[in-house]
Amino acid sequence: MRTLILGGARSGKSALAERLADDCGLAVTYVATAQAGDGEMAARIVHHRARRPPHWACIEEPLALVEVLREHAAAERCLLVDCLTLWLSNLLADPDPRRLQRECEALSALLPSLPGRVLLVGNEVGLGVVPMGELSRRFVDEAGRLHQALAARCDQVLFVAAGLPMALKGTCP
């Protein structure tokens, strides 16, 4: 089962993903893509770490997400990736301008073949006005493309607002 969980900042999407992972009955590996580039992000990372059960495995990988998923997916495991849009931001900053497209295509191709439970968390950023800056517009465009590609390959797509999940595809938990 592959689930894509989208929502805005502080919408409750990560908490929902963590609850689904905890409830699924499988061993959980949390794949964190964040990098503590400033104090505010460092505080967010600390908050997320404190919320996770101590028996969950954790892999911190800002770029090589496809390799981590390929290596750690197993029938008896739940992989929780938080978050796709931070991963996307990291790839946008990569010196190789083609890496972002290669990695997104590889993730989309790999996802259907992964065994076990996979929960993917991402920020939905396409609900507001078109950003003024070129990099911001590219980020919104790339996030939208990535989410559409992954949603097509997921069994379930949830949107979270105010802590309340809505099913866009499949059923709501």
Protein backbone atom coordinates (compact mmCIF):
# COMPACT_ATOMS: atom_id res chain seq x y z
CA MET A 1 0.00 0.00 0.00
CA ARG A 2 1.35 3.38 -1.04
CA THR A 3 -0.11 6.54 0.45
CA LEU A 4 0.63 10.15 -0.48
CA ILE A 5 -0.30 12.64 2.26
CA LEU A 6 -0.45 16.29 1.22
CA GLY A 7 -1.26 19.43 3.16
CA GLY A 8 -0.05 22.88 4.02
CA ALA A 9 2.49 23.83 6.66
CA ARG A 10 1.35 22.75 10.13
CA SER A 11 -1.75 21.10 8.69
CA GLY A 12 -1.28 17.84 10.61
CA LYS A 13 0.00 15.78 7.67
CA SER A 14 3.11 14.50 9.47
CA ALA A 15 1.13 13.59 12.58
CA LEU A 16 -1.35 11.67 10.39
CA ALA A 17 1.47 9.83 8.62
CA GLU A 18 3.03 8.92 11.96
CA ARG A 19 -0.31 7.63 13.27
CA LEU A 20 -0.86 5.53 10.12
CA ALA A 21 2.66 4.13 10.40
CA ASP A 22 2.21 3.30 14.08
CA ASP A 23 -1.18 1.66 13.45
CA CYS A 24 -0.10 -0.52 10.51
CA GLY A 25 1.60 -3.14 12.70
CA LEU A 26 4.85 -3.22 10.72
CA ALA A 27 8.35 -2.21 11.71
CA VAL A 28 8.71 1.49 10.84
CA THR A 29 11.64 3.22 9.21
CA TYR A 30 11.32 7.00 9.14
CA VAL A 31 13.14 8.61 6.22
CA ALA A 32 13.86 12.26 7.02
CA THR A 33 14.88 14.58 4.18
CA ALA A 34 15.28 17.82 6.16
CA GLN A 35 18.56 19.60 6.72
CA ALA A 36 18.98 22.01 9.62
CA GLY A 37 20.09 25.03 7.62
CA ASP A 38 18.86 27.51 10.24
CA GLY A 39 17.61 27.64 13.82
CA GLU A 40 13.94 27.42 12.91
CA MET A 41 14.46 24.27 10.81
CA ALA A 42 16.63 22.77 13.54
CA ALA A 43 13.75 23.33 15.99
CA ARG A 44 11.31 21.63 13.59
CA ILE A 45 13.63 18.63 13.33
CA VAL A 46 13.89 18.39 17.12
CA HIS A 47 10.08 18.53 17.37
CA HIS A 48 9.67 15.72 14.82
CA ARG A 49 12.31 13.57 16.53
CA ALA A 50 10.63 13.98 19.91
CA ARG A 51 7.27 12.87 18.49
CA ARG A 52 8.57 9.63 16.99
CA PRO A 53 8.51 6.40 19.00
CA PRO A 54 12.02 5.38 20.08
CA HIS A 55 11.73 1.92 18.49
CA TRP A 56 11.37 3.37 14.98
CA ALA A 57 14.46 3.31 12.82
CA CYS A 58 15.43 6.62 11.28
CA ILE A 59 17.45 7.40 8.17
CA GLU A 60 18.37 11.00 7.46
CA GLU A 61 18.90 11.42 3.73
CA PRO A 62 18.43 14.78 2.00
CA LEU A 63 19.09 13.65 -1.61
CA ALA A 64 19.42 9.90 -2.28
CA LEU A 65 15.80 9.04 -1.45
CA VAL A 66 15.38 6.50 -4.25
CA GLU A 67 18.40 4.51 -3.09
CA VAL A 68 17.19 4.53 0.52
CA LEU A 69 13.72 3.31 -0.48
CA ARG A 70 15.14 0.62 -2.74
CA GLU A 71 17.49 -0.60 0.00
CA HIS A 72 15.07 -0.55 2.94
CA ALA A 73 11.66 -1.46 1.52
CA ALA A 74 10.48 -4.87 2.69
CA ALA A 75 7.17 -6.68 3.00
CA GLU A 76 7.35 -6.48 6.80
CA ARG A 77 8.31 -2.79 6.92
CA CYS A 78 6.60 0.58 6.70
CA LEU A 79 8.69 3.39 5.21
CA LEU A 80 7.55 6.90 6.12
CA VAL A 81 9.15 9.66 4.03
CA ASP A 82 8.88 13.15 5.49
CA CYS A 83 9.01 15.20 3.40
CA LEU A 84 9.00 15.16 -0.37
CA THR A 85 9.04 18.92 -0.78
CA LEU A 86 12.13 19.34 1.40
CA TRP A 87 13.77 16.65 -0.74
CA LEU A 88 12.70 18.60 -3.82
CA SER A 89 14.22 21.79 -2.36
CA ASN A 90 17.46 19.96 -1.70
CA LEU A 91 17.54 18.72 -5.30
CA LEU A 92 16.82 22.22 -6.66
CA ALA A 93 20.02 23.36 -4.92
CA ASP A 94 22.10 20.51 -6.36
CA PRO A 95 24.89 21.67 -8.71
CA ASP A 96 23.74 19.17 -11.37
CA PRO A 97 20.72 20.86 -13.00
CA ARG A 98 19.45 17.54 -14.39
CA ARG A 99 19.52 15.62 -11.11
CA LEU A 100 16.09 16.80 -9.98
CA GLN A 101 14.35 15.39 -13.06
CA ARG A 102 16.31 12.11 -12.89
CA GLU A 103 15.52 11.61 -9.19
CA CYS A 104 11.82 12.45 -9.55
CA GLU A 105 11.45 10.12 -12.53
CA ALA A 106 13.32 7.37 -10.66
CA LEU A 107 11.07 7.75 -7.60
CA SER A 108 7.93 7.63 -9.72
CA ALA A 109 9.17 4.51 -11.54
CA LEU A 110 10.29 2.76 -8.35
CA LEU A 111 7.22 3.42 -6.21
CA PRO A 112 4.87 0.76 -7.68
CA SER A 113 7.42 -2.01 -7.15
CA LEU A 114 8.24 -1.29 -3.51
CA PRO A 115 7.12 -4.00 -1.09
CA GLY A 116 5.52 -3.21 2.27
CA ARG A 117 3.79 0.01 3.29
CA VAL A 118 5.03 3.37 2.00
CA LEU A 119 3.82 6.71 3.35
CA LEU A 120 4.95 9.84 1.51
CA VAL A 121 4.41 13.29 3.05
CA GLY A 122 4.54 16.48 1.00
CA ASN A 123 3.55 20.12 1.26
CA GLU A 124 0.81 21.16 -1.13
CA VAL A 125 2.01 24.54 -2.32
CA GLY A 126 -0.15 25.08 -5.38
CA LEU A 127 -3.25 26.51 -3.69
CA GLY A 128 -2.17 30.15 -3.54
CA VAL A 129 -1.11 32.82 -5.97
CA VAL A 130 1.68 32.23 -8.48
CA PRO A 131 4.94 33.25 -6.76
CA MET A 132 6.78 36.30 -8.10
CA GLY A 133 10.31 34.88 -8.02
CA GLU A 134 11.69 32.52 -10.66
CA LEU A 135 13.02 29.97 -8.15
CA SER A 136 9.77 30.02 -6.16
CA ARG A 137 7.75 29.46 -9.34
CA ARG A 138 10.01 26.58 -10.34
CA PHE A 139 9.64 25.02 -6.89
CA VAL A 140 5.82 25.22 -7.05
CA ASP A 141 5.81 23.81 -10.59
CA GLU A 142 8.16 20.94 -9.72
CA ALA A 143 6.24 20.10 -6.53
CA GLY A 144 2.99 20.01 -8.50
CA ARG A 145 4.49 17.73 -11.15
CA LEU A 146 5.99 15.43 -8.52
CA HIS A 147 2.77 15.16 -6.53
CA GLN A 148 0.73 14.44 -9.66
CA ALA A 149 3.12 11.70 -10.78
CA LEU A 150 3.18 10.07 -7.35
CA ALA A 151 -0.57 10.40 -6.81
CA ALA A 152 -1.12 8.44 -10.03
CA ARG A 153 1.00 5.59 -8.61
CA CYS A 154 -0.34 5.60 -5.05
CA ASP A 155 -3.25 3.53 -3.79
CA GLN A 156 -4.37 6.29 -1.46
CA VAL A 157 -3.97 10.08 -1.57
CA LEU A 158 -4.98 12.14 1.45
CA PHE A 159 -5.18 15.89 1.89
CA VAL A 160 -4.93 17.26 5.42
CA ALA A 161 -6.31 20.63 6.55
CA ALA A 162 -6.67 21.70 10.20
CA GLY A 163 -5.66 18.18 11.25
CA LEU A 164 -8.53 16.63 9.33
CA PRO A 165 -7.77 14.16 6.53
CA MET A 166 -9.79 14.10 3.33
CA ALA A 167 -9.48 11.26 0.84
CA LEU A 168 -8.65 12.38 -2.68
CA LYS A 169 -8.05 8.79 -3.77
CA GLY A 170 -8.94 5.63 -1.87
CA THR A 171 -10.60 5.76 1.53
CA CYS A 172 -10.03 8.03 4.48
CA PRO A 173 -8.50 6.53 7.64
